[in-house]
Amino acid sequence: MAERFIQIYRIIDPDNPDAWYLSAVLHAETGNAGQVITELQRAVDKGFNDYRQIVGEKSFSAFVDNRKFQKILKEIK
């Protein structure tokens, strides 16, 4: 159900970075690792810049050593 709400959120407000961030969190929580970085990068591209929120998100703990994840963090720091 969460996925459906996020899809609606992105349709209604496609430039809102929070919709893409929430999508990245959902993918991390459901084990869809391939989409986490893609959605997180979209969030940053659309203006998401809360470094502490990303670092503090427990769902992203498996990505801490991921090179692309680290690149995203450097981009917003």
C-alpha atoms as a PDB file:
ATOM      1  CA  MET A   1       0.000   0.000   0.000  1.00  0.00           C
ATOM      2  CA  ALA A   2       2.871   2.373   0.775  1.00  0.00           C
ATOM      3  CA  GLU A   3       4.187   1.929  -2.747  1.00  0.00           C
ATOM      4  CA  ARG A   4       0.831   2.990  -4.173  1.00  0.00           C
ATOM      5  CA  PHE A   5       0.709   6.123  -2.013  1.00  0.00           C
ATOM      6  CA  ILE A   6       4.228   7.078  -3.074  1.00  0.00           C
ATOM      7  CA  GLN A   7       3.290   6.562  -6.738  1.00  0.00           C
ATOM      8  CA  ILE A   8       0.326   8.902  -6.288  1.00  0.00           C
ATOM      9  CA  TYR A   9       2.555  11.411  -4.481  1.00  0.00           C
ATOM     10  CA  ARG A  10       5.010  11.394  -7.406  1.00  0.00           C
ATOM     11  CA  ILE A  11       2.199  11.813  -9.937  1.00  0.00           C
ATOM     12  CA  ILE A  12       0.621  14.720  -8.065  1.00  0.00           C
ATOM     13  CA  ASP A  13       3.904  16.476  -7.238  1.00  0.00           C
ATOM     14  CA  PRO A  14       6.678  15.006  -9.427  1.00  0.00           C
ATOM     15  CA  ASP A  15       9.189  17.719  -8.538  1.00  0.00           C
ATOM     16  CA  ASN A  16       8.884  17.203  -4.802  1.00  0.00           C
ATOM     17  CA  PRO A  17      12.109  15.516  -3.656  1.00  0.00           C
ATOM     18  CA  ASP A  18      10.415  13.970  -0.616  1.00  0.00           C
ATOM     19  CA  ALA A  19       8.376  11.630  -2.812  1.00  0.00           C
ATOM     20  CA  TRP A  20      11.550  10.249  -4.352  1.00  0.00           C
ATOM     21  CA  TYR A  21      13.284  10.031  -0.966  1.00  0.00           C
ATOM     22  CA  LEU A  22      10.373   8.056   0.456  1.00  0.00           C
ATOM     23  CA  SER A  23      10.525   5.773  -2.544  1.00  0.00           C
ATOM     24  CA  ALA A  24      14.219   5.111  -1.844  1.00  0.00           C
ATOM     25  CA  VAL A  25      13.407   4.292   1.795  1.00  0.00           C
ATOM     26  CA  LEU A  26      10.607   1.953   0.741  1.00  0.00           C
ATOM     27  CA  HIS A  27      12.888   0.136  -1.706  1.00  0.00           C
ATOM     28  CA  ALA A  28      15.538  -0.228   1.011  1.00  0.00           C
ATOM     29  CA  GLU A  29      12.991  -1.663   3.411  1.00  0.00           C
ATOM     30  CA  THR A  30      11.582  -4.108   0.870  1.00  0.00           C
ATOM     31  CA  GLY A  31      14.982  -5.341  -0.287  1.00  0.00           C
ATOM     32  CA  ASN A  32      14.903  -3.766  -3.733  1.00  0.00           C
ATOM     33  CA  ALA A  33      18.494  -2.591  -3.512  1.00  0.00           C
ATOM     34  CA  GLY A  34      18.750  -1.845  -7.215  1.00  0.00           C
ATOM     35  CA  GLN A  35      16.260   0.989  -6.945  1.00  0.00           C
ATOM     36  CA  VAL A  36      17.516   2.588  -3.730  1.00  0.00           C
ATOM     37  CA  ILE A  37      20.406   4.500  -5.269  1.00  0.00           C
ATOM     38  CA  THR A  38      18.374   5.460  -8.349  1.00  0.00           C
ATOM     39  CA  GLU A  39      15.515   6.900  -6.316  1.00  0.00           C
ATOM     40  CA  LEU A  40      17.823   8.586  -3.824  1.00  0.00           C
ATOM     41  CA  GLN A  41      19.730  10.236  -6.657  1.00  0.00           C
ATOM     42  CA  ARG A  42      16.428  11.462  -8.136  1.00  0.00           C
ATOM     43  CA  ALA A  43      15.525  12.952  -4.767  1.00  0.00           C
ATOM     44  CA  VAL A  44      18.843  14.807  -4.621  1.00  0.00           C
ATOM     45  CA  ASP A  45      18.513  15.934  -8.243  1.00  0.00           C
ATOM     46  CA  LYS A  46      15.127  17.406  -7.346  1.00  0.00           C
ATOM     47  CA  GLY A  47      16.562  19.281  -4.362  1.00  0.00           C
ATOM     48  CA  PHE A  48      16.681  16.886  -1.419  1.00  0.00           C
ATOM     49  CA  ASN A  49      19.628  17.998   0.696  1.00  0.00           C
ATOM     50  CA  ASP A  50      19.087  16.734   4.229  1.00  0.00           C
ATOM     51  CA  TYR A  51      22.371  14.955   4.856  1.00  0.00           C
ATOM     52  CA  ARG A  52      21.506  14.058   8.440  1.00  0.00           C
ATOM     53  CA  GLN A  53      18.199  12.500   7.425  1.00  0.00           C
ATOM     54  CA  ILE A  54      19.890  10.219   4.909  1.00  0.00           C
ATOM     55  CA  VAL A  55      22.701   9.238   7.266  1.00  0.00           C
ATOM     56  CA  GLY A  56      20.234   8.670  10.093  1.00  0.00           C
ATOM     57  CA  GLU A  57      17.879   6.497   8.039  1.00  0.00           C
ATOM     58  CA  LYS A  58      18.322   2.955   9.356  1.00  0.00           C
ATOM     59  CA  SER A  59      16.956   1.506   6.113  1.00  0.00           C
ATOM     60  CA  PHE A  60      20.067   2.767   4.337  1.00  0.00           C
ATOM     61  CA  SER A  61      22.525   1.079   6.719  1.00  0.00           C
ATOM     62  CA  ALA A  62      23.298  -1.636   4.163  1.00  0.00           C
ATOM     63  CA  PHE A  63      24.437   1.048   1.707  1.00  0.00           C
ATOM     64  CA  VAL A  64      26.943   2.887   3.891  1.00  0.00           C
ATOM     65  CA  ASP A  65      29.893   1.312   2.071  1.00  0.00           C
ATOM     66  CA  ASN A  66      28.311   1.606  -1.372  1.00  0.00           C
ATOM     67  CA  ARG A  67      30.382   3.877  -3.632  1.00  0.00           C
ATOM     68  CA  LYS A  68      27.336   5.431  -5.306  1.00  0.00           C
ATOM     69  CA  PHE A  69      25.666   6.044  -1.963  1.00  0.00           C
ATOM     70  CA  GLN A  70      28.807   7.791  -0.712  1.00  0.00           C
ATOM     71  CA  LYS A  71      28.875   9.897  -3.881  1.00  0.00           C
ATOM     72  CA  ILE A  72      25.321  11.059  -3.197  1.00  0.00           C
ATOM     73  CA  LEU A  73      26.258  11.987   0.370  1.00  0.00           C
ATOM     74  CA  LYS A  74      29.233  14.021  -0.857  1.00  0.00           C
ATOM     75  CA  GLU A  75      26.995  15.745  -3.363  1.00  0.00           C
ATOM     76  CA  ILE A  76      24.740  17.167  -0.650  1.00  0.00           C
ATOM     77  CA  LYS A  77      27.242  17.707   2.151  1.00  0.00           C
END
